Amino acid sequence: MRGALTLDYGRALCAAGEGFTAFAGVTVIACAGVVRCWPGRAQAWSLMSEHLPQYKKSIHKAVTRYLDRCVVRRLEMTVDPTHAAAMRWAERLGFTYESTMPGYGPFGETHAMYVRLRME
């Protein structure tokens, strides 16, 4: 994704929904948010820095709190299927693997779709 992370892309994410940044002092640890696609469906996104490992417990707790308050029937998240830690984290956040999506990424890379359903 590194090549797709432009200032315009960041602005589009900000305009599309809620977004949050976690700092340790002036160091960015992570950015994340939710883009509302239509009523009942949204996509979660996140970008993690190399500093995440030392803050992963507090980041996990904050993201879990946010997701628990995110009232949407279907919340999706795509994950790089070669990144085992990201897939484990998606599952710890309550997402379930749904499918493998060849050619999904901005440069044709394969992504794994995870979904968190709230049927109320």
Protein backbone atom coordinates (compact mmCIF):
# COMPACT_ATOMS: atom_id res chain seq x y z
CA MET A 1 0.00 0.00 0.00
CA ARG A 2 2.95 2.35 0.54
CA GLY A 3 2.84 3.65 -3.05
CA ALA A 4 -0.89 4.35 -2.82
CA LEU A 5 -0.62 6.43 0.36
CA THR A 6 -0.75 9.92 -1.06
CA LEU A 7 -1.90 13.17 0.47
CA ASP A 8 -5.01 13.02 -1.73
CA TYR A 9 -5.78 9.49 -0.50
CA GLY A 10 -5.43 10.67 3.11
CA ARG A 11 -7.76 13.58 2.46
CA ALA A 12 -10.29 11.23 0.86
CA LEU A 13 -10.22 8.98 3.94
CA CYS A 14 -10.74 11.99 6.21
CA ALA A 15 -13.68 13.17 4.13
CA ALA A 16 -15.27 9.69 3.96
CA GLY A 17 -15.77 9.04 7.65
CA GLU A 18 -14.35 8.95 11.13
CA GLY A 19 -10.59 8.76 11.55
CA PHE A 20 -8.26 8.70 14.52
CA THR A 21 -4.52 8.99 15.10
CA ALA A 22 -2.64 7.53 18.08
CA PHE A 23 0.44 9.44 19.19
CA ALA A 24 3.21 8.79 21.68
CA GLY A 25 4.42 12.33 22.18
CA VAL A 26 4.93 13.57 18.62
CA THR A 27 5.41 10.07 17.18
CA VAL A 28 2.52 8.63 15.17
CA ILE A 29 1.81 5.06 16.28
CA ALA A 30 -1.27 4.32 14.18
CA CYS A 31 -4.06 5.84 12.14
CA ALA A 32 -7.43 4.16 11.72
CA GLY A 33 -11.01 4.85 10.88
CA VAL A 34 -14.28 3.73 9.36
CA VAL A 35 -15.68 4.67 5.96
CA ARG A 36 -19.47 4.43 5.75
CA CYS A 37 -20.38 2.86 2.39
CA TRP A 38 -24.16 3.01 2.89
CA PRO A 39 -26.52 2.52 5.84
CA GLY A 40 -25.64 -0.79 7.45
CA ARG A 41 -22.24 -1.27 5.75
CA ALA A 42 -18.85 0.24 6.44
CA GLN A 43 -15.17 -0.52 5.92
CA ALA A 44 -12.56 -0.24 8.64
CA TRP A 45 -9.06 0.85 7.68
CA SER A 46 -5.80 1.19 9.55
CA LEU A 47 -2.19 2.13 8.98
CA MET A 48 0.30 1.06 11.62
CA SER A 49 3.80 2.43 12.13
CA GLU A 50 6.90 0.46 13.01
CA HIS A 51 6.42 1.75 16.59
CA LEU A 52 3.21 -0.27 17.08
CA PRO A 53 4.72 -3.31 18.86
CA GLN A 54 5.53 -1.41 22.06
CA TYR A 55 2.01 0.08 22.18
CA LYS A 56 -0.03 -2.84 20.81
CA LYS A 57 -1.96 -3.52 24.05
CA SER A 58 -3.20 0.05 24.43
CA ILE A 59 -3.95 0.34 20.68
CA HIS A 60 -5.90 -2.95 20.78
CA LYS A 61 -7.91 -1.75 23.77
CA ALA A 62 -8.75 1.59 22.11
CA VAL A 63 -9.73 -0.03 18.80
CA THR A 64 -11.87 -2.64 20.58
CA ARG A 65 -13.71 0.11 22.50
CA TYR A 66 -14.35 2.02 19.28
CA LEU A 67 -15.53 -1.04 17.32
CA ASP A 68 -17.89 -2.02 20.13
CA ARG A 69 -19.55 1.41 19.77
CA CYS A 70 -19.56 1.29 15.96
CA VAL A 71 -23.17 0.46 15.20
CA VAL A 72 -23.23 -0.99 11.71
CA ARG A 73 -24.70 -4.26 10.48
CA ARG A 74 -21.67 -5.22 8.35
CA LEU A 75 -18.19 -3.91 9.07
CA GLU A 76 -15.53 -5.04 6.60
CA MET A 77 -11.76 -5.06 6.78
CA THR A 78 -9.29 -6.23 4.16
CA VAL A 79 -5.97 -7.65 5.27
CA ASP A 80 -2.77 -8.62 3.48
CA PRO A 81 -2.98 -12.44 3.61
CA THR A 82 0.81 -12.69 3.86
CA HIS A 83 0.75 -10.71 7.13
CA ALA A 84 -0.12 -13.39 9.70
CA ALA A 85 -0.07 -10.96 12.65
CA ALA A 86 -2.61 -8.68 10.93
CA MET A 87 -4.92 -11.62 10.28
CA ARG A 88 -4.67 -12.75 13.92
CA TRP A 89 -5.41 -9.21 15.10
CA ALA A 90 -8.48 -8.97 12.84
CA GLU A 91 -9.80 -12.14 14.47
CA ARG A 92 -9.03 -10.87 18.00
CA LEU A 93 -11.04 -7.75 17.10
CA GLY A 94 -14.06 -9.95 16.34
CA PHE A 95 -13.74 -10.15 12.56
CA THR A 96 -14.24 -13.43 10.71
CA TYR A 97 -12.45 -14.45 7.54
CA GLU A 98 -14.86 -14.31 4.62
CA SER A 99 -12.93 -14.64 1.35
CA THR A 100 -9.70 -14.24 -0.58
CA MET A 101 -9.87 -11.47 -3.17
CA PRO A 102 -7.24 -11.74 -5.93
CA GLY A 103 -6.41 -8.46 -7.65
CA TYR A 104 -8.16 -6.34 -4.98
CA GLY A 105 -5.31 -4.07 -3.92
CA PRO A 106 -4.26 -0.85 -5.66
CA PHE A 107 -1.43 -2.67 -7.43
CA GLY A 108 -3.32 -5.91 -8.10
CA GLU A 109 -2.33 -7.64 -4.88
CA THR A 110 -4.50 -10.23 -3.18
CA HIS A 111 -6.36 -9.25 -0.01
CA ALA A 112 -8.30 -11.29 2.52
CA MET A 113 -11.76 -9.99 3.42
CA TYR A 114 -12.72 -10.10 7.09
CA VAL A 115 -16.17 -9.12 8.31
CA ARG A 116 -17.74 -8.30 11.65
CA LEU A 117 -21.52 -8.75 11.62
CA ARG A 118 -23.93 -7.23 14.10
CA MET A 119 -27.38 -8.71 13.53
CA GLU A 120 -29.67 -6.80 15.90
